[in-house]
Protein backbone atom coordinates (compact mmCIF):
# COMPACT_ATOMS: atom_id res chain seq x y z
CA MET A 1 -31.59 20.57 -22.30
CA GLY A 2 -30.09 16.87 -21.49
CA ALA A 3 -28.40 16.79 -17.70
CA LEU A 4 -24.41 17.24 -18.01
CA LEU A 5 -22.69 14.07 -16.13
CA ILE A 6 -19.44 15.03 -14.52
CA ALA A 7 -17.25 12.04 -14.07
CA PRO A 8 -14.49 12.31 -10.93
CA ALA A 9 -11.35 12.65 -12.23
CA SER A 10 -9.29 9.32 -11.12
CA GLN A 11 -12.05 8.06 -14.05
CA THR A 12 -10.90 10.59 -16.14
CA ARG A 13 -7.41 10.42 -15.57
CA ALA A 14 -5.47 7.37 -17.09
CA GLN A 15 -4.13 4.69 -15.09
CA VAL A 16 -0.50 4.82 -15.17
CA PRO A 17 1.30 1.86 -13.56
CA VAL A 18 4.25 2.59 -11.28
CA ALA A 19 7.27 0.55 -11.88
CA ARG A 20 7.85 -2.04 -9.26
CA ASP A 21 11.44 -2.19 -7.62
CA ILE A 22 11.90 -5.98 -8.20
CA PRO A 23 13.97 -8.30 -9.83
CA SER A 24 13.23 -9.01 -13.41
CA PRO A 25 11.36 -12.84 -13.61
CA ALA A 26 14.18 -13.42 -16.55
CA LEU A 27 17.14 -12.72 -13.81
CA VAL A 28 15.06 -14.90 -10.77
CA GLU A 29 15.16 -18.05 -13.42
CA ILE A 30 18.81 -17.22 -13.75
CA ILE A 31 19.66 -17.55 -9.91
CA GLU A 32 17.04 -20.83 -9.53
CA LYS A 33 19.30 -22.22 -11.96
CA ALA A 34 22.70 -21.53 -9.63
CA ILE A 35 21.04 -22.40 -6.42
CA GLU A 36 19.20 -25.47 -7.03
CA PRO A 37 22.29 -27.77 -7.19
CA LEU A 38 23.63 -26.22 -3.73
CA PRO A 39 24.04 -28.75 -0.85
CA CYS A 40 21.60 -26.84 1.06
CA ILE A 41 18.57 -26.37 -1.51
CA VAL A 42 19.15 -29.48 -3.44
CA LYS A 43 15.41 -29.32 -4.93
CA LEU A 44 13.72 -26.07 -5.09
CA SER A 45 9.84 -27.57 -4.92
CA ARG A 46 10.50 -27.85 -1.22
CA TRP A 47 11.10 -24.25 -0.81
CA ASP A 48 8.63 -21.26 -0.52
CA ARG A 49 11.14 -18.55 -2.34
CA TYR A 50 11.46 -14.55 -2.11
CA TYR A 51 13.44 -12.95 -4.22
CA ARG A 52 14.32 -8.63 -3.62
CA TYR A 53 17.41 -6.29 -4.08
CA ASP A 54 19.45 -6.45 -1.15
CA PHE A 55 18.02 -3.99 1.00
CA ARG A 56 20.62 -4.66 3.99
CA SER A 57 23.45 -1.83 2.19
CA GLN A 58 22.30 2.00 1.52
CA PRO A 59 21.80 3.04 -1.15
CA ILE A 60 20.00 -1.03 -2.12
CA ASP A 61 22.34 -2.07 -4.68
CA ARG A 62 20.57 -3.31 -7.49
CA ASN A 63 23.54 -5.80 -8.44
CA LEU A 64 22.71 -7.71 -5.10
CA ILE A 65 19.70 -10.11 -5.14
CA LEU A 66 18.64 -11.09 -1.81
CA PHE A 67 17.00 -15.08 -1.53
CA ILE A 68 14.98 -15.85 1.50
CA LEU A 69 13.88 -19.73 1.24
CA VAL A 70 11.82 -21.23 4.24
CA GLU A 71 11.05 -25.25 3.00
CA THR A 72 7.80 -25.85 3.26
CA ASP A 73 5.66 -29.69 3.43
CA GLY A 74 3.18 -27.83 0.97
CA ALA A 75 2.99 -26.43 -2.68
CA SER A 76 6.19 -24.21 -2.67
CA LYS A 77 5.84 -20.67 -4.17
CA ARG A 78 8.05 -17.77 -5.98
CA ARG A 79 7.63 -14.16 -4.88
CA ILE A 80 9.65 -11.74 -6.39
CA ASP A 81 9.07 -8.74 -4.66
CA GLU A 82 10.58 -5.18 -3.42
CA PRO A 83 13.04 -4.83 -1.02
CA ASP A 84 11.91 -5.19 2.84
CA ASP A 85 12.35 -7.99 5.56
CA VAL A 86 9.35 -9.29 5.47
CA PHE A 87 8.86 -13.57 4.54
CA ASP A 88 5.57 -15.52 4.99
CA ALA A 89 6.91 -18.28 8.16
CA THR A 90 4.60 -20.65 9.98
CA GLU A 91 4.57 -21.11 14.39
CA LYS A 92 6.56 -24.61 14.21
CA PRO A 93 11.00 -24.70 13.45
CA VAL A 94 11.21 -24.75 9.77
CA ARG A 95 14.61 -24.97 7.86
CA VAL A 96 15.35 -21.78 5.84
CA THR A 97 18.19 -20.31 3.47
CA ILE A 98 19.30 -17.00 2.93
CA GLY A 99 21.90 -16.04 0.31
CA VAL A 100 22.84 -13.65 -2.12
CA PHE A 101 23.39 -13.67 -5.64
CA ASP A 102 25.55 -11.22 -7.06
CA GLN A 103 24.80 -10.59 -10.59
CA ARG A 104 28.42 -9.14 -11.90
CA ASN A 105 29.75 -12.43 -11.70
CA ASN A 106 26.10 -14.64 -11.30
CA VAL A 107 27.41 -16.45 -8.12
CA ALA A 108 25.19 -17.23 -5.20
CA THR A 109 26.72 -17.50 -1.91
CA ILE A 110 24.79 -19.01 1.11
CA GLU A 111 24.72 -17.10 4.43
CA GLN A 112 22.41 -19.41 6.63
CA CYS A 113 20.99 -22.98 6.41
CA ASN A 114 19.53 -23.97 9.14
CA VAL A 115 16.18 -24.20 10.77
CA MET A 116 14.39 -21.36 12.58
CA GLU A 117 13.07 -22.60 16.23
CA ASP A 118 11.02 -19.30 16.48
CA PRO A 119 8.72 -17.20 13.46
CA PRO A 120 10.13 -13.74 12.35
CA VAL A 121 8.44 -10.98 14.02
CA GLN A 122 6.50 -9.39 11.48
């Protein structure tokens, strides 16, 4: 008589991916084309770029995509994330651009474009 092996439940159930509440990469491409020529931005390769649905209104309006750009002196990165108020920042003063893209009319609005003297509390 052979031994009966019982696998843990986590190994027997199919892993179902959880859908993330994020803008699509295709939409982010549209946003980047719209914002790159704006005077505050000029060249996206100079910025770390964060995109997420605008969490500042409740319920979250998925037509509004918040973008946060943090100027970098190294290789830039792009993150598409779930709605929150966290982004990477350095300890030194850094230029930050914050805005909203409204996908109903494909319009980007810059809300802030300045030097952040103090890093955000995280």
